[in-house]
Amino acid sequence: TTLNATVAAETPQVFAIPSYTPSFSVISNTLNSATTWTGGNANDGYYTATLPFTFTYFGTDYSTVNIGTNGYVTFGAGSTSSAAQTIPTGTPANVIALFENDMTLAASGSIQYGYNGTAPNRQFIVKYNAVPGNGSGGPNTGYIVLNEKSNIIDLVVSSFTRVTGSNATCGIESGSSTGAAPAGRNNAAYNVTTAEAW
């Protein structure tokens, strides 16, 4: 008898979940107009943060994440892109987009990050706190939650108003054109007035 084993390709799936408010046990840092950014600036920039646990994203382990001012985080390379992308073929790659849109911390708003819980069931949380759009739109508030061990991602959008005339994106994308987005949230003209979570 010959047994052959193969590993199935990872297929991301999107499910609506009840909206909730994540809580921090530890707030590691608050990013705002005074932040020294890893790349770019408070208008279009990113800050590289160390994760409290290894997170596996599309089969690759990461110990850091790049937190962008424009409503998304990336693994590997950071990005200063301010335009909504179409998942799964857009840029930047290795992205988790909460509400990818042209936003700015130059005058107000903040981003907090940290974690909640104890190993091996911690959550790494990135909170966009009343971040305005660049010239119009906002304030935008929501959470990206990375769950330890399960590698499940929660995207919680409390409120979002896009920059006038622009599109926005919510979803995930790998570095090899694989991804998923909720219906009506993929490079689309939408706002969120009733909290939603995915």
Protein backbone atom coordinates (compact mmCIF):
# COMPACT_ATOMS: atom_id res chain seq x y z
CA THR A 1 0.00 0.00 0.00
CA THR A 2 1.29 3.44 -0.93
CA LEU A 3 0.04 6.48 0.98
CA ASN A 4 0.48 9.95 -0.48
CA ALA A 5 -0.17 13.14 1.47
CA THR A 6 -0.56 16.65 0.12
CA VAL A 7 -1.16 19.96 1.85
CA ALA A 8 -4.23 21.78 0.65
CA ALA A 9 -3.77 25.39 -0.44
CA GLU A 10 -4.87 27.90 2.17
CA THR A 11 -8.13 29.55 1.15
CA PRO A 12 -9.09 32.64 3.13
CA GLN A 13 -12.75 33.01 4.07
CA VAL A 14 -14.72 36.02 5.29
CA PHE A 15 -17.54 35.76 7.83
CA ALA A 16 -19.60 38.52 9.41
CA ILE A 17 -19.29 38.38 13.21
CA PRO A 18 -21.02 40.40 15.95
CA SER A 19 -19.34 43.76 16.41
CA TYR A 20 -17.45 44.14 19.68
CA THR A 21 -15.01 46.51 21.39
CA PRO A 22 -11.60 44.88 21.91
CA SER A 23 -9.85 45.76 25.17
CA PHE A 24 -6.15 46.16 25.94
CA SER A 25 -4.32 44.53 28.83
CA VAL A 26 -1.20 46.39 27.72
CA ILE A 27 -1.02 49.41 25.42
CA SER A 28 2.45 49.32 23.91
CA ASN A 29 2.39 52.67 22.12
CA THR A 30 0.24 55.47 20.77
CA LEU A 31 1.01 56.80 17.28
CA ASN A 32 0.11 60.38 16.40
CA SER A 33 1.45 63.51 14.71
CA ALA A 34 4.53 63.50 16.99
CA THR A 35 5.56 59.92 16.09
CA THR A 36 8.90 59.20 14.46
CA TRP A 37 7.65 57.01 11.62
CA THR A 38 9.58 54.03 10.23
CA GLY A 39 8.64 55.18 6.72
CA GLY A 40 6.79 58.22 5.40
CA ASN A 41 5.10 60.65 7.79
CA ALA A 42 1.89 61.28 9.74
CA ASN A 43 -0.01 61.80 6.50
CA ASP A 44 1.17 58.71 4.58
CA GLY A 45 3.41 56.61 6.77
CA TYR A 46 3.91 53.38 8.69
CA TYR A 47 5.41 52.36 12.01
CA THR A 48 7.04 48.93 12.52
CA ALA A 49 5.91 47.29 15.76
CA THR A 50 7.11 44.08 17.41
CA LEU A 51 4.42 41.47 17.94
CA PRO A 52 4.18 39.81 21.40
CA PHE A 53 3.83 36.44 19.66
CA THR A 54 4.57 34.94 16.25
CA PHE A 55 1.68 35.38 13.85
CA THR A 56 1.31 33.13 10.83
CA TYR A 57 -0.08 34.91 7.77
CA PHE A 58 -0.65 32.89 4.60
CA GLY A 59 1.83 30.27 5.80
CA THR A 60 4.66 32.65 6.77
CA ASP A 61 5.59 33.45 10.38
CA TYR A 62 6.04 37.11 11.33
CA SER A 63 7.36 38.76 14.49
CA THR A 64 6.73 42.37 13.39
CA VAL A 65 3.90 44.26 11.70
CA ASN A 66 3.86 47.62 9.88
CA ILE A 67 1.03 49.84 11.09
CA GLY A 68 -0.03 52.29 8.39
CA THR A 69 -1.70 55.67 8.78
CA ASN A 70 -4.12 54.84 5.95
CA GLY A 71 -6.18 52.16 7.66
CA TYR A 72 -4.16 48.99 7.05
CA VAL A 73 -1.23 46.95 8.34
CA THR A 74 1.33 44.96 6.34
CA PHE A 75 3.76 42.14 7.02
CA GLY A 76 7.26 42.23 5.55
CA ALA A 77 7.61 45.51 3.68
CA GLY A 78 5.88 48.66 4.89
CA SER A 79 3.81 50.88 2.62
CA THR A 80 2.82 54.55 2.34
CA SER A 81 0.12 53.94 -0.30
CA SER A 82 -3.02 56.02 0.25
CA ALA A 83 -5.28 54.59 -2.49
CA ALA A 84 -7.69 51.71 -2.00
CA GLN A 85 -6.63 48.52 -3.72
CA THR A 86 -8.58 45.73 -5.35
CA ILE A 87 -8.10 42.44 -3.51
CA PRO A 88 -6.46 40.07 -4.43
CA THR A 89 -4.38 41.80 -7.12
CA GLY A 90 -3.61 45.20 -5.59
CA THR A 91 -0.72 46.70 -3.70
CA PRO A 92 0.58 46.70 -1.06
CA ALA A 93 0.92 42.95 -0.63
CA ASN A 94 0.70 41.03 2.66
CA VAL A 95 -1.92 43.50 3.80
CA ILE A 96 -4.76 43.49 6.30
CA ALA A 97 -7.03 46.37 5.33
CA LEU A 98 -9.48 47.64 7.94
CA PHE A 99 -10.64 50.64 5.91
CA GLU A 100 -7.90 51.35 3.38
CA ASN A 101 -8.40 55.00 2.40
CA ASP A 102 -6.48 58.28 2.36
CA MET A 103 -6.29 59.23 6.05
CA THR A 104 -3.98 61.44 8.07
CA LEU A 105 -2.72 61.88 11.63
CA ALA A 106 -1.11 65.23 10.82
CA ALA A 107 -3.63 67.25 12.84
CA SER A 108 -5.69 64.88 15.02
CA GLY A 109 -6.56 61.27 15.75
CA SER A 110 -4.28 58.47 16.93
CA ILE A 111 -3.46 54.79 16.52
CA GLN A 112 -2.90 52.62 19.58
CA TYR A 113 -1.46 49.15 19.61
CA GLY A 114 -0.86 46.51 22.25
CA TYR A 115 -2.24 43.21 23.40
CA ASN A 116 -4.86 41.56 25.57
CA GLY A 117 -4.92 38.22 27.37
CA THR A 118 -2.30 35.65 28.32
CA ALA A 119 -0.32 33.14 26.26
CA PRO A 120 -1.20 31.13 24.27
CA ASN A 121 -4.48 33.00 23.71
CA ARG A 122 -3.40 36.62 23.37
CA GLN A 123 -4.80 39.17 20.95
CA PHE A 124 -2.62 41.82 19.32
CA ILE A 125 -4.80 44.88 18.76
CA VAL A 126 -4.36 47.91 16.52
CA LYS A 127 -6.94 50.63 17.23
CA TYR A 128 -7.58 53.48 14.81
CA ASN A 129 -9.01 56.18 17.07
CA ALA A 130 -10.97 58.98 15.35
CA VAL A 131 -8.50 59.25 12.46
CA PRO A 132 -9.69 61.90 9.96
CA GLY A 133 -9.69 61.56 6.22
CA ASN A 134 -7.18 63.61 4.25
CA GLY A 135 -9.19 66.73 3.37
CA SER A 136 -12.63 65.18 3.98
CA GLY A 137 -14.21 62.11 5.50
CA GLY A 138 -13.78 60.57 8.92
CA PRO A 139 -13.34 60.48 11.80
CA ASN A 140 -12.63 56.76 11.40
CA THR A 141 -12.52 54.32 14.29
CA GLY A 142 -11.93 50.56 14.25
CA TYR A 143 -9.75 47.65 15.29
CA ILE A 144 -7.51 45.05 13.67
CA VAL A 145 -7.22 42.03 15.99
CA LEU A 146 -4.67 39.24 15.47
CA ASN A 147 -5.47 36.12 17.48
CA GLU A 148 -2.56 34.05 18.78
CA LYS A 149 -2.41 30.34 17.93
CA SER A 150 -5.54 30.30 15.72
CA ASN A 151 -4.13 33.06 13.45
CA ILE A 152 -7.70 34.31 12.96
CA ILE A 153 -8.04 38.00 12.09
CA ASP A 154 -10.94 40.12 13.36
CA LEU A 155 -11.68 43.40 11.60
CA VAL A 156 -14.02 45.62 13.64
CA VAL A 157 -15.22 48.83 11.97
CA SER A 158 -16.92 51.11 14.48
CA SER A 159 -17.40 54.01 12.08
CA PHE A 160 -15.95 54.99 8.72
CA THR A 161 -16.55 57.80 6.22
CA ARG A 162 -14.31 57.73 3.15
CA VAL A 163 -12.69 60.76 1.56
CA THR A 164 -15.17 62.37 -0.85
CA GLY A 165 -14.93 60.85 -4.33
CA SER A 166 -12.69 57.97 -3.24
CA ASN A 167 -13.07 54.22 -2.75
CA ALA A 168 -12.07 52.12 0.24
CA THR A 169 -11.12 48.49 0.90
CA CYS A 170 -11.64 46.05 3.77
CA GLY A 171 -10.06 42.60 3.55
CA ILE A 172 -6.85 40.59 3.43
CA GLU A 173 -4.31 39.83 0.72
CA SER A 174 -1.18 37.69 0.58
CA GLY A 175 2.02 38.39 -1.26
CA SER A 176 0.95 36.10 -4.11
CA SER A 177 -2.44 37.37 -5.27
CA THR A 178 -4.60 35.42 -2.82
CA GLY A 179 -7.09 37.18 -0.61
CA ALA A 180 -10.66 37.82 0.46
CA ALA A 181 -12.91 40.80 1.12
CA PRO A 182 -16.49 41.23 2.35
CA ALA A 183 -19.09 41.92 -0.34
CA GLY A 184 -19.27 45.61 -1.18
CA ARG A 185 -16.02 46.38 0.61
CA ASN A 186 -13.45 45.76 -2.15
CA ASN A 187 -12.26 49.03 -3.72
CA ALA A 188 -15.81 50.35 -3.41
CA ALA A 189 -17.55 53.61 -2.55
CA TYR A 190 -18.96 52.88 0.91
CA ASN A 191 -19.26 54.32 4.42
CA VAL A 192 -19.98 52.50 7.69
CA THR A 193 -22.50 54.15 10.00
CA THR A 194 -23.57 51.00 11.90
CA ALA A 195 -20.68 49.08 13.45
CA GLU A 196 -19.71 45.89 11.61
CA ALA A 197 -17.12 43.17 12.09
CA TRP A 198 -15.55 40.47 9.91
